[in-house]
Amino acid sequence: AGSYIVNEMEVLTCGTPISKDADGNTCHLDGIASPDNVAAIPEYNQLIIGEDTSAHVNDVIWAFDLSTAATGLQRIFSTPYGSETTGPYWYPNIGDFSYITAVVQHPYGESDQDKVGDSASTGKAGWVGYMGPLKSVTRISGAASTTPCML
């Protein structure tokens, strides 16, 4: 059990607070706000990081490439008003393809309840969805051979 004890942590990425913009965001849109969920994509040396925040009007799931951390985050998924992302997960090599799943929890539930009647509204029901198919990584003689992915 001793090998599972955390002794130190490092910040990999951080958002930038801003004065409230016209849409209500208080964190720069190109940065993460209140990370809440994380999943690994070991084949691509990436993390998938989901937000649960009131600092962005729309919560986001980000891809973070650990090999090129200096280039920052890439937004890959966004939620409706007032909801949060949850349950991001990487499913590698399903029939030679890979998939990312995600859940949208309580749209229009935490804020912006007045927007649920808008014509573009998705309603208050939660969603489970996936991104893919993405080309899979195959293993040849113990070495990874990658096929470009959309991330």
Protein backbone atom coordinates (compact mmCIF):
# COMPACT_ATOMS: atom_id res chain seq x y z
CA ALA A 1 0.00 0.00 0.00
CA GLY A 2 2.96 2.34 0.57
CA SER A 3 3.60 2.66 -3.17
CA TYR A 4 0.19 4.32 -3.60
CA ILE A 5 0.85 7.19 -1.19
CA VAL A 6 1.18 10.60 -2.85
CA ASN A 7 4.29 12.42 -1.68
CA GLU A 8 4.34 15.36 -4.06
CA MET A 9 2.31 17.05 -6.80
CA GLU A 10 3.11 19.42 -9.65
CA VAL A 11 0.87 21.82 -11.54
CA LEU A 12 0.64 20.79 -15.19
CA THR A 13 -1.71 23.50 -16.38
CA CYS A 14 -3.68 26.33 -14.88
CA GLY A 15 -6.37 28.73 -16.02
CA THR A 16 -6.18 32.52 -15.95
CA PRO A 17 -8.78 34.53 -14.01
CA ILE A 18 -10.30 37.49 -15.90
CA SER A 19 -12.76 40.23 -15.09
CA LYS A 20 -16.26 39.01 -15.87
CA ASP A 21 -16.77 39.23 -19.64
CA ALA A 22 -20.00 40.02 -21.52
CA ASP A 23 -21.03 36.35 -21.44
CA GLY A 24 -20.30 35.85 -17.73
CA ASN A 25 -16.97 34.00 -17.93
CA THR A 26 -14.50 34.77 -15.14
CA CYS A 27 -11.70 32.53 -16.44
CA HIS A 28 -10.02 33.00 -19.83
CA LEU A 29 -11.69 30.76 -22.42
CA ASP A 30 -8.36 29.31 -23.57
CA GLY A 31 -7.59 27.97 -20.08
CA ILE A 32 -8.98 25.35 -17.77
CA ALA A 33 -11.28 26.24 -14.88
CA SER A 34 -12.00 23.96 -11.91
CA PRO A 35 -10.83 20.58 -13.26
CA ASP A 36 -12.99 17.82 -11.84
CA ASN A 37 -12.43 14.63 -13.85
CA VAL A 38 -9.39 13.17 -15.55
CA ALA A 39 -8.74 10.17 -17.77
CA ALA A 40 -5.55 9.01 -19.43
CA ILE A 41 -4.86 8.22 -23.07
CA PRO A 42 -1.58 6.39 -22.55
CA GLU A 43 -1.19 5.47 -26.23
CA TYR A 44 -0.94 9.19 -27.09
CA ASN A 45 0.59 10.42 -23.81
CA GLN A 46 -2.43 12.65 -23.23
CA LEU A 47 -4.89 13.41 -20.47
CA ILE A 48 -8.58 14.19 -20.91
CA ILE A 49 -9.62 16.74 -18.27
CA GLY A 50 -13.25 17.67 -17.56
CA GLU A 51 -14.43 20.84 -15.83
CA ASP A 52 -17.07 21.49 -13.19
CA THR A 53 -16.96 25.25 -12.92
CA SER A 54 -18.93 28.43 -12.64
CA ALA A 55 -15.97 30.36 -14.14
CA HIS A 56 -16.91 29.29 -17.71
CA VAL A 57 -20.47 29.66 -18.99
CA ASN A 58 -20.02 26.36 -20.83
CA ASP A 59 -17.93 23.67 -19.12
CA VAL A 60 -15.32 22.02 -21.32
CA ILE A 61 -13.42 18.76 -21.69
CA TRP A 62 -9.82 19.39 -22.66
CA ALA A 63 -7.08 17.23 -24.17
CA PHE A 64 -3.67 17.86 -22.62
CA ASP A 65 -0.63 16.46 -24.43
CA LEU A 66 2.00 15.54 -21.82
CA SER A 67 4.73 15.44 -24.51
CA THR A 68 4.15 19.04 -25.60
CA ALA A 69 2.82 20.61 -22.41
CA ALA A 70 4.11 24.03 -23.48
CA THR A 71 1.47 24.19 -26.24
CA GLY A 72 -1.29 23.97 -23.67
CA LEU A 73 -4.75 22.52 -23.85
CA GLN A 74 -7.04 21.67 -26.73
CA ARG A 75 -10.80 22.04 -26.24
CA ILE A 76 -12.51 18.86 -27.50
CA PHE A 77 -16.00 18.99 -25.95
CA SER A 78 -18.31 21.69 -24.60
CA THR A 79 -21.55 21.51 -22.59
CA PRO A 80 -24.79 23.53 -22.62
CA TYR A 81 -25.35 26.35 -20.12
CA GLY A 82 -25.37 25.44 -16.43
CA SER A 83 -24.19 21.85 -16.85
CA GLU A 84 -20.96 20.08 -16.04
CA THR A 85 -18.83 17.49 -17.75
CA THR A 86 -18.41 14.19 -16.00
CA GLY A 87 -17.14 10.70 -16.71
CA PRO A 88 -14.68 11.31 -19.55
CA TYR A 89 -13.14 7.98 -20.47
CA TRP A 90 -10.86 6.56 -23.18
CA TYR A 91 -11.78 3.22 -24.78
CA PRO A 92 -8.79 2.00 -26.82
CA ASN A 93 -8.91 -0.45 -29.71
CA ILE A 94 -12.54 -1.41 -30.10
CA GLY A 95 -12.58 -3.06 -33.51
CA ASP A 96 -9.38 -1.22 -34.48
CA PHE A 97 -10.80 2.14 -33.38
CA SER A 98 -10.81 4.11 -30.15
CA TYR A 99 -13.50 6.26 -28.53
CA ILE A 100 -13.84 8.97 -25.90
CA THR A 101 -17.03 8.97 -23.86
CA ALA A 102 -18.43 11.85 -21.82
CA VAL A 103 -21.52 12.79 -19.84
CA VAL A 104 -23.35 16.11 -19.66
CA GLN A 105 -24.91 16.42 -16.23
CA HIS A 106 -27.89 18.70 -15.36
CA PRO A 107 -28.01 21.12 -18.33
CA TYR A 108 -29.49 24.48 -17.35
CA GLY A 109 -29.59 23.22 -13.77
CA GLU A 110 -26.90 25.20 -11.92
CA SER A 111 -27.23 28.47 -13.81
CA ASP A 112 -28.87 29.99 -16.84
CA GLN A 113 -32.18 28.25 -16.15
CA ASP A 114 -33.87 31.05 -18.10
CA LYS A 115 -32.19 29.78 -21.30
CA VAL A 116 -33.79 26.30 -21.23
CA GLY A 117 -36.62 27.62 -23.43
CA ASP A 118 -34.30 28.98 -26.15
CA SER A 119 -34.70 27.46 -29.62
CA ALA A 120 -31.16 25.98 -29.45
CA SER A 121 -31.72 24.46 -26.00
CA THR A 122 -31.12 20.75 -25.54
CA GLY A 123 -33.50 20.63 -22.58
CA LYS A 124 -32.77 19.66 -18.98
CA ALA A 125 -32.06 15.97 -19.59
CA GLY A 126 -28.49 14.74 -19.16
CA TRP A 127 -26.60 13.23 -22.06
CA VAL A 128 -24.14 10.39 -22.54
CA GLY A 129 -22.16 10.56 -25.74
CA TYR A 130 -18.97 9.59 -27.48
CA MET A 131 -16.39 10.96 -29.87
CA GLY A 132 -15.08 8.60 -32.49
CA PRO A 133 -14.25 6.42 -34.15
CA LEU A 134 -10.64 7.57 -33.81
CA LYS A 135 -7.85 5.57 -35.41
CA SER A 136 -6.42 3.16 -32.88
CA VAL A 137 -2.87 2.58 -31.76
CA THR A 138 -1.55 -0.89 -32.54
CA ARG A 139 1.25 -2.71 -30.77
CA ILE A 140 3.92 -4.34 -32.93
CA SER A 141 6.62 -6.42 -31.21
CA GLY A 142 6.15 -4.57 -27.94
CA ALA A 143 6.67 -1.11 -29.52
CA ALA A 144 3.84 1.30 -30.11
CA SER A 145 3.07 2.28 -33.68
CA THR A 146 0.72 5.24 -33.82
CA THR A 147 -1.78 6.27 -36.42
CA PRO A 148 -2.68 9.98 -36.28
CA CYS A 149 -5.60 10.78 -34.03
CA MET A 150 -7.91 13.79 -34.09
CA LEU A 151 -6.73 14.89 -30.64
